[in-house]
């Protein structure tokens, strides 16, 4: 199927650009390569929508629509969940053949290397030499274990085991450490010390609130209820929201209804040295979100979000997490269970749990639990996964 080409050093990055999670992992590798001065290793970046045409592109657009709509729709949601649970990318199907058609043609040959972060793209390029699959999530659900990659990059030994059990050789599975944004790793230690000091002293807390890319209604409700609870009781909240998205609208409506002072920070504004009870930080793309997160990170005492890729922060950066549900997709429930077992997080199972978050954290027992979460999430795992991946790629694929 794939024809041999003249050897060329370098890597091509192929994105799905559906949601935030999988693209985030490729973004982190590129940032690490930039920081190493090795960005010339990257020959190109593209996504499935650029590469695909006709019916193939329509199939990808359908997948994106299902992701965006299925998380919130009471009608489409159950169908979407059944489709995701039934995914087996090791089996051929008409949809897989359609989605892979132009991708397989584009990336025929074995050079340069191609790196992907979604199991569907492994299936689309199955058997290609120099196909690198970054599985950055803590959890490894069955749909992510796909044959056909030459190298698998995983964050932990636990994440590696299902790939090895499925038939991958131990030399093909590389354990990298947790994949945390390099800009956060750089300030992780001092941020952790200051966070613990604030929690112990009983001063006001600052919480970060994030939705997933699909912004399910149930998540938005819990996020805004919890944020209002914290702000009303004298704490500070920082809501990171996509400009024009559901979380922005719901936060504005909630804060206005409850007379909570709030400000907006966007790409054209400076972060105020003294800000009001609530900030709504608006971003238009992932790069802006990463930049804002790095700038606010030293002030953050806890995180409220679904259990997706940001669960790495709770397990590796000592940032306690409150998990909003319901868990959507195959990764979220497994990530949640990992965090609960590690005692670095707690689930907000209901809107009531979200509404009493501030009351809980005002109590001495609540503060002690928060401190325990922070301490349990610090120093147990290596957090320089992106740097390790960059080193690996440079050593393997740079021109000699």
Protein backbone atom coordinates (compact mmCIF):
# COMPACT_ATOMS: atom_id res chain seq x y z
CA UNK A 1 0.00 0.00 0.00
CA UNK A 2 2.77 2.43 0.95
CA UNK A 3 5.62 3.02 -1.47
CA UNK A 4 9.21 3.73 -0.49
CA UNK A 5 10.38 7.33 -0.95
CA UNK A 6 13.78 8.98 -0.84
CA UNK A 7 14.81 9.34 2.80
CA UNK A 8 14.16 12.77 4.27
CA UNK A 9 14.90 13.78 7.83
CA UNK A 10 12.12 15.39 9.80
CA UNK A 11 8.58 14.93 11.00
CA UNK A 12 5.14 15.80 9.68
CA UNK A 13 2.40 16.43 12.25
CA UNK A 14 -1.11 15.32 11.33
CA UNK A 15 -3.91 16.76 13.48
CA UNK A 16 -7.55 15.81 13.80
CA UNK A 17 -8.46 19.30 15.15
CA UNK A 18 -11.64 17.94 16.68
CA UNK A 19 -11.97 19.10 20.27
CA UNK A 20 -8.98 20.14 22.36
CA UNK A 21 -7.48 16.97 23.82
CA UNK A 22 -5.75 15.19 20.97
CA UNK A 23 -4.54 18.39 19.25
CA UNK A 24 -3.18 19.63 22.60
CA UNK A 25 -0.69 16.78 22.73
CA UNK A 26 0.78 17.59 19.34
CA UNK A 27 0.90 21.30 20.22
CA UNK A 28 2.97 20.46 23.29
CA UNK A 29 5.53 18.51 21.27
CA UNK A 30 5.93 21.39 18.84
CA UNK A 31 6.36 23.87 21.69
CA UNK A 32 9.03 21.63 23.25
CA UNK A 33 10.85 21.45 19.91
CA UNK A 34 10.73 25.24 19.65
CA UNK A 35 12.19 25.58 23.15
CA UNK A 36 14.99 23.17 22.22
CA UNK A 37 15.79 25.14 19.07
CA UNK A 38 14.85 22.08 17.00
CA UNK A 39 11.74 23.35 15.24
CA UNK A 40 13.46 22.85 11.87
CA UNK A 41 12.82 19.16 12.45
CA UNK A 42 9.13 19.85 11.73
CA UNK A 43 8.60 19.67 7.97
CA UNK A 44 4.88 20.44 8.03
CA UNK A 45 1.69 20.62 10.09
CA UNK A 46 -1.66 19.72 8.58
CA UNK A 47 -5.04 18.42 9.66
CA UNK A 48 -7.52 15.93 8.29
CA UNK A 49 -9.78 18.68 6.94
CA UNK A 50 -6.99 20.16 4.83
CA UNK A 51 -5.91 16.79 3.50
CA UNK A 52 -9.34 15.31 2.78
CA UNK A 53 -11.72 16.20 -0.04
CA UNK A 54 -15.21 15.26 -1.20
CA UNK A 55 -16.93 12.47 0.68
CA UNK A 56 -13.87 11.86 2.80
CA UNK A 57 -13.95 15.42 4.10
CA UNK A 58 -17.71 15.15 4.66
CA UNK A 59 -17.07 12.10 6.85
CA UNK A 60 -14.62 14.06 8.97
CA UNK A 61 -17.04 16.98 9.25
CA UNK A 62 -19.71 14.55 10.41
CA UNK A 63 -17.35 13.28 13.12
CA UNK A 64 -16.72 16.84 14.26
CA UNK A 65 -20.45 17.62 14.30
CA UNK A 66 -21.16 14.52 16.38
CA UNK A 67 -18.45 15.51 18.86
CA UNK A 68 -19.80 19.05 19.20
CA UNK A 69 -23.48 18.17 19.26
CA UNK A 70 -23.47 14.75 20.88
CA UNK A 71 -22.13 15.98 24.21
CA UNK A 72 -25.13 18.25 24.81
CA UNK A 73 -28.03 16.81 22.84
CA UNK A 74 -30.44 14.58 24.73
CA UNK A 75 -31.37 12.91 21.44
CA UNK A 76 -28.03 12.65 19.67
CA UNK A 77 -25.99 12.18 22.86
CA UNK A 78 -26.95 8.54 23.56
CA UNK A 79 -26.37 7.66 19.90
CA UNK A 80 -22.97 9.36 19.99
CA UNK A 81 -21.98 7.48 23.15
CA UNK A 82 -23.00 4.15 21.59
CA UNK A 83 -20.93 4.93 18.50
CA UNK A 84 -17.87 5.80 20.59
CA UNK A 85 -18.21 2.72 22.79
CA UNK A 86 -18.48 0.55 19.69
CA UNK A 87 -15.40 1.93 17.97
CA UNK A 88 -12.85 -0.72 17.06
CA UNK A 89 -10.26 0.79 14.76
CA UNK A 90 -8.53 -2.58 14.40
CA UNK A 91 -11.45 -3.69 12.22
CA UNK A 92 -12.01 -2.43 8.72
CA UNK A 93 -15.23 -0.57 7.93
CA UNK A 94 -16.76 1.51 5.17
CA UNK A 95 -16.45 4.66 7.30
CA UNK A 96 -12.79 4.00 8.07
CA UNK A 97 -12.01 3.41 4.39
CA UNK A 98 -13.75 6.64 3.51
CA UNK A 99 -12.01 8.70 6.20
CA UNK A 100 -8.57 7.29 5.42
CA UNK A 101 -8.73 7.59 1.63
CA UNK A 102 -6.98 10.93 1.11
CA UNK A 103 -4.85 10.64 4.24
CA UNK A 104 -3.30 7.36 3.10
CA UNK A 105 -2.56 8.86 -0.31
CA UNK A 106 -1.05 12.03 1.16
CA UNK A 107 1.26 10.20 3.54
CA UNK A 108 2.25 7.28 1.34
CA UNK A 109 5.87 6.23 1.72
CA UNK A 110 7.89 5.95 4.90
CA UNK A 111 9.72 9.30 5.02
CA UNK A 112 9.51 11.73 6.62
CA UNK A 113 8.06 10.42 9.86
CA UNK A 114 4.43 11.19 10.71
CA UNK A 115 3.26 11.77 14.27
CA UNK A 116 -0.43 11.58 15.23
CA UNK A 117 -2.34 11.76 18.52
CA UNK A 118 -5.55 9.92 17.65
CA UNK A 119 -6.05 6.18 17.30
CA UNK A 120 -8.23 6.67 14.21
CA UNK A 121 -5.24 8.15 12.38
CA UNK A 122 -3.14 5.15 13.39
CA UNK A 123 -5.76 2.97 11.74
CA UNK A 124 -5.78 5.24 8.68
CA UNK A 125 -2.00 4.92 8.24
CA UNK A 126 -1.64 1.40 9.61
CA UNK A 127 1.60 -0.29 8.59
CA UNK A 128 3.39 2.85 7.49
CA UNK A 129 7.00 2.94 8.59
CA UNK A 130 7.93 5.81 10.91
CA UNK A 131 4.36 6.26 12.14
CA UNK A 132 4.55 7.63 15.68
CA UNK A 133 1.43 7.59 17.85
CA UNK A 134 1.38 9.81 20.90
CA UNK A 135 -1.13 8.52 23.43
CA UNK A 136 -0.87 11.31 25.98
CA UNK A 137 -3.84 10.42 28.19
CA UNK A 138 -3.48 8.76 31.57
CA UNK A 139 -6.21 6.27 30.68
CA UNK A 140 -5.96 3.71 27.91
CA UNK A 141 -9.46 2.62 26.88
CA UNK A 142 -9.80 -0.21 24.34
CA UNK A 143 -10.54 2.12 21.41
CA UNK A 144 -7.13 3.78 21.82
CA UNK A 145 -5.20 0.51 21.46
CA UNK A 146 -4.75 0.23 17.72
CA UNK A 147 -2.21 -1.87 15.86
CA UNK A 148 -0.05 -0.51 13.06
CA UNK A 149 2.17 2.21 14.58
CA UNK A 150 5.93 1.85 14.67
CA UNK A 151 6.26 3.71 17.97
CA UNK A 152 3.82 4.46 20.80
CA UNK A 153 4.53 7.34 23.21
CA UNK A 154 2.72 6.98 26.55
CA UNK A 155 2.90 8.97 29.82
CA UNK A 156 3.09 6.16 32.38
CA UNK A 157 3.86 2.48 32.79
CA UNK A 158 0.16 1.93 33.49
CA UNK A 159 -0.80 3.52 30.17
CA UNK A 160 1.80 1.38 28.38
CA UNK A 161 0.51 -1.98 29.59
CA UNK A 162 -2.56 -2.32 27.30
CA UNK A 163 -0.40 -1.64 24.22
CA UNK A 164 2.14 -4.27 25.25
CA UNK A 165 -0.62 -6.75 26.08
CA UNK A 166 -2.10 -6.16 22.61
CA UNK A 167 1.10 -7.25 20.89
CA UNK A 168 3.39 -4.23 20.69
CA UNK A 169 6.99 -4.99 21.61
CA UNK A 170 8.40 -3.29 24.69
CA UNK A 171 10.95 -1.54 22.47
CA UNK A 172 8.09 0.08 20.51
CA UNK A 173 6.39 1.60 23.57
CA UNK A 174 8.22 4.61 25.01
CA UNK A 175 7.24 5.90 28.47
CA UNK A 176 7.77 9.66 28.51
CA UNK A 177 6.31 10.99 31.75
CA UNK A 178 3.23 13.19 32.00
CA UNK A 179 2.65 15.59 29.12
CA UNK A 180 2.25 19.00 30.74
CA UNK A 181 2.67 22.31 28.93
CA UNK A 182 6.36 23.32 29.06
CA UNK A 183 5.38 26.81 30.21
CA UNK A 184 3.69 25.28 33.28
CA UNK A 185 6.51 22.87 34.01
CA UNK A 186 8.92 25.81 34.16
CA UNK A 187 7.00 27.42 37.02
CA UNK A 188 5.56 24.28 38.61
CA UNK A 189 7.75 24.10 41.72
CA UNK A 190 7.41 27.70 42.88
CA UNK A 191 3.69 27.67 42.07
CA UNK A 192 3.23 24.53 44.16
CA UNK A 193 5.04 26.02 47.17
CA UNK A 194 3.01 29.23 47.04
CA UNK A 195 -0.22 27.30 46.59
CA UNK A 196 0.38 25.19 49.68
CA UNK A 197 1.28 28.30 51.66
CA UNK A 198 -1.97 30.03 50.67
CA UNK A 199 -4.07 26.98 51.52
CA UNK A 200 -2.39 26.57 54.91
CA UNK A 201 -2.80 30.24 55.83
CA UNK A 202 -6.51 30.16 55.10
CA UNK A 203 -6.48 33.17 52.78
CA UNK A 204 -8.91 33.48 49.91
CA UNK A 205 -8.51 30.90 47.15
CA UNK A 206 -8.30 31.32 43.40
CA UNK A 207 -9.87 28.65 41.22
CA UNK A 208 -9.57 28.00 37.50
CA UNK A 209 -12.65 26.82 35.60
CA UNK A 210 -12.48 25.08 32.23
CA UNK A 211 -14.96 23.29 29.99
CA UNK A 212 -14.18 20.72 27.34
CA UNK A 213 -14.16 21.83 23.74
CA UNK A 214 -17.70 20.54 23.21
CA UNK A 215 -19.04 22.54 26.18
CA UNK A 216 -21.78 20.12 27.33
CA UNK A 217 -24.68 21.86 29.07
CA UNK A 218 -24.36 19.75 32.22
CA UNK A 219 -20.70 20.75 32.57
CA UNK A 220 -21.47 24.43 31.98
CA UNK A 221 -24.12 24.37 34.70
CA UNK A 222 -21.79 22.87 37.31
CA UNK A 223 -18.91 25.16 36.35
CA UNK A 224 -20.94 28.35 36.67
CA UNK A 225 -22.67 27.24 39.87
CA UNK A 226 -19.33 26.34 41.49
CA UNK A 227 -17.71 29.58 40.29
CA UNK A 228 -20.56 31.66 41.70
CA UNK A 229 -20.32 29.80 45.01
CA UNK A 230 -16.63 30.64 45.33
CA UNK A 231 -16.97 34.28 44.27
CA UNK A 232 -19.90 35.01 46.61
CA UNK A 233 -17.85 33.79 49.57
CA UNK A 234 -14.91 36.11 48.94
CA UNK A 235 -12.71 33.99 46.72
CA UNK A 236 -11.48 34.66 43.17
CA UNK A 237 -12.49 32.70 40.10
CA UNK A 238 -10.90 32.67 36.68
CA UNK A 239 -13.11 31.21 33.97
CA UNK A 240 -11.29 30.29 30.77
CA UNK A 241 -13.87 30.39 28.00
CA UNK A 242 -13.92 30.26 24.23
CA UNK A 243 -14.95 33.62 22.84
CA UNK A 244 -18.60 33.45 21.83
CA UNK A 245 -19.04 30.01 23.40
CA UNK A 246 -21.61 28.62 25.82
CA UNK A 247 -19.41 28.97 28.91
CA UNK A 248 -18.86 32.67 28.31
CA UNK A 249 -22.58 33.31 27.93
CA UNK A 250 -23.55 31.26 30.97
CA UNK A 251 -20.89 32.89 33.17
CA UNK A 252 -21.95 36.42 32.23
CA UNK A 253 -25.60 35.59 32.84
CA UNK A 254 -24.89 33.97 36.22
CA UNK A 255 -22.62 36.73 37.51
CA UNK A 256 -25.05 39.46 36.45
CA UNK A 257 -28.00 37.69 38.04
CA UNK A 258 -26.15 37.32 41.35
CA UNK A 259 -24.53 40.78 41.27
CA UNK A 260 -21.02 39.31 41.28
CA UNK A 261 -18.43 41.84 40.05
CA UNK A 262 -16.63 40.53 36.99
CA UNK A 263 -14.16 41.60 34.34
CA UNK A 264 -13.16 40.33 30.93
CA UNK A 265 -9.62 39.66 29.82
CA UNK A 266 -8.99 38.90 26.16
CA UNK A 267 -6.08 38.99 23.74
CA UNK A 268 -6.12 42.78 23.63
CA UNK A 269 -6.17 43.35 27.40
CA UNK A 270 -3.60 43.26 30.16
CA UNK A 271 -4.15 41.06 33.19
CA UNK A 272 -5.11 43.45 35.99
CA UNK A 273 -2.82 43.48 39.03
CA UNK A 274 -5.90 43.62 41.25
CA UNK A 275 -8.91 41.94 39.73
CA UNK A 276 -12.48 41.57 40.87
CA UNK A 277 -14.15 38.49 42.26
CA UNK A 278 -14.46 36.94 38.84
CA UNK A 279 -12.49 37.11 35.62
CA UNK A 280 -13.72 35.72 32.32
CA UNK A 281 -10.66 35.03 30.21
CA UNK A 282 -11.62 34.81 26.55
CA UNK A 283 -9.53 33.00 23.98
CA UNK A 284 -10.08 32.44 20.27
CA UNK A 285 -7.76 29.47 19.76
CA UNK A 286 -5.66 26.95 21.65
CA UNK A 287 -2.49 29.05 21.48
CA UNK A 288 -4.21 31.95 23.25
CA UNK A 289 -5.61 29.60 25.88
CA UNK A 290 -2.14 28.15 26.58
CA UNK A 291 -0.68 31.64 26.93
CA UNK A 292 -3.38 32.82 29.34
CA UNK A 293 -3.11 29.64 31.41
CA UNK A 294 0.64 30.08 31.84
CA UNK A 295 0.21 33.70 32.94
CA UNK A 296 -2.44 32.86 35.57
CA UNK A 297 -0.99 29.56 36.75
CA UNK A 298 1.07 30.93 39.71
CA UNK A 299 -2.14 32.29 41.26
CA UNK A 300 -4.21 29.11 40.98
CA UNK A 301 -5.12 27.01 44.02
CA UNK A 302 -7.45 24.47 42.42
CA UNK A 303 -9.03 23.46 39.13
CA UNK A 304 -12.65 22.72 38.23
CA UNK A 305 -13.03 20.88 34.91
CA UNK A 306 -14.08 17.62 33.24
CA UNK A 307 -11.59 14.76 33.55
CA UNK A 308 -9.88 15.11 30.19
CA UNK A 309 -6.29 16.12 29.34
CA UNK A 310 -6.02 18.64 32.20
CA UNK A 311 -6.11 15.76 34.67
CA UNK A 312 -2.33 15.73 34.16
CA UNK A 313 -2.21 18.94 36.21
CA UNK A 314 -3.81 17.30 39.23
CA UNK A 315 -1.59 14.23 39.10
CA UNK A 316 1.67 15.99 38.26
CA UNK A 317 1.54 19.67 39.25
CA UNK A 318 -0.10 19.42 42.66
CA UNK A 319 -3.13 21.41 41.52
CA UNK A 320 -6.18 19.93 43.29
CA UNK A 321 -9.06 19.18 40.98
CA UNK A 322 -12.84 19.12 41.27
CA UNK A 323 -14.23 17.01 38.46
CA UNK A 324 -17.47 17.99 36.75
CA UNK A 325 -19.59 15.34 35.09
CA UNK A 326 -21.15 13.53 33.51
CA UNK A 327 -18.14 11.80 32.00
CA UNK A 328 -18.35 11.98 28.21
CA UNK A 329 -16.48 9.56 25.98
CA UNK A 330 -14.19 6.65 26.87
CA UNK A 331 -11.33 8.58 28.51
CA UNK A 332 -13.11 10.75 31.07
CA UNK A 333 -14.44 8.04 33.44
CA UNK A 334 -11.10 6.23 33.47
CA UNK A 335 -9.15 9.45 34.04
CA UNK A 336 -11.54 10.32 36.87
CA UNK A 337 -10.99 6.95 38.53
CA UNK A 338 -7.20 7.37 38.30
CA UNK A 339 -7.39 10.76 40.02
CA UNK A 340 -9.78 9.58 42.73
CA UNK A 341 -7.57 6.58 43.47
CA UNK A 342 -4.52 8.89 43.72
CA UNK A 343 -6.48 11.16 46.12
CA UNK A 344 -5.74 14.31 44.13
CA UNK A 345 -9.32 15.14 43.17
CA UNK A 346 -12.98 14.95 44.12
CA UNK A 347 -16.04 14.63 41.91
CA UNK A 348 -18.82 17.21 41.92
CA UNK A 349 -21.53 14.67 41.32
CA UNK A 350 -24.46 17.07 41.34
CA UNK A 351 -25.31 20.75 40.95
CA UNK A 352 -25.74 20.81 44.73
CA UNK A 353 -22.16 19.64 45.21
CA UNK A 354 -21.03 22.48 42.97
CA UNK A 355 -23.18 25.00 44.87
CA UNK A 356 -21.63 24.16 48.25
CA UNK A 357 -18.02 24.07 47.05
CA UNK A 358 -17.13 27.33 48.79
CA UNK A 359 -18.79 26.25 52.02
CA UNK A 360 -16.81 23.03 51.96
CA UNK A 361 -13.49 24.81 51.39
CA UNK A 362 -14.12 27.38 54.14
CA UNK A 363 -14.04 24.63 56.75
CA UNK A 364 -10.78 23.49 58.29
CA UNK A 365 -11.45 19.95 57.10
CA UNK A 366 -11.97 21.20 53.57
CA UNK A 367 -8.68 23.12 53.59
CA UNK A 368 -6.84 20.08 54.94
CA UNK A 369 -8.31 17.93 52.19
CA UNK A 370 -7.29 20.49 49.57
CA UNK A 371 -3.75 20.52 50.92
CA UNK A 372 -3.67 16.72 50.90
CA UNK A 373 -4.78 16.71 47.26
CA UNK A 374 -1.99 19.13 46.40
CA UNK A 375 0.69 17.14 48.21
CA UNK A 376 -0.49 13.84 46.70
CA UNK A 377 -0.19 15.34 43.23
CA UNK A 378 3.37 16.56 43.55
CA UNK A 379 6.58 14.63 42.94
CA UNK A 380 5.02 11.26 42.20
CA UNK A 381 5.36 11.44 38.41
CA UNK A 382 7.81 13.06 36.05
CA UNK A 383 6.15 16.01 34.32
CA UNK A 384 8.58 16.68 31.47
CA UNK A 385 6.94 14.34 28.97
CA UNK A 386 6.93 16.85 26.13
CA UNK A 387 10.64 17.57 26.60
CA UNK A 388 11.42 13.85 26.64
CA UNK A 389 9.42 13.36 23.44
CA UNK A 390 11.24 16.24 21.76
CA UNK A 391 14.59 14.67 22.72
CA UNK A 392 13.45 11.31 21.40
CA UNK A 393 12.29 12.75 18.08
CA UNK A 394 15.47 14.77 17.57
CA UNK A 395 17.66 11.75 18.29
CA UNK A 396 15.69 9.50 16.00
CA UNK A 397 14.66 11.68 13.09
CA UNK A 398 17.10 14.59 12.81
CA UNK A 399 19.43 14.52 9.79
CA UNK A 400 22.78 12.97 10.53
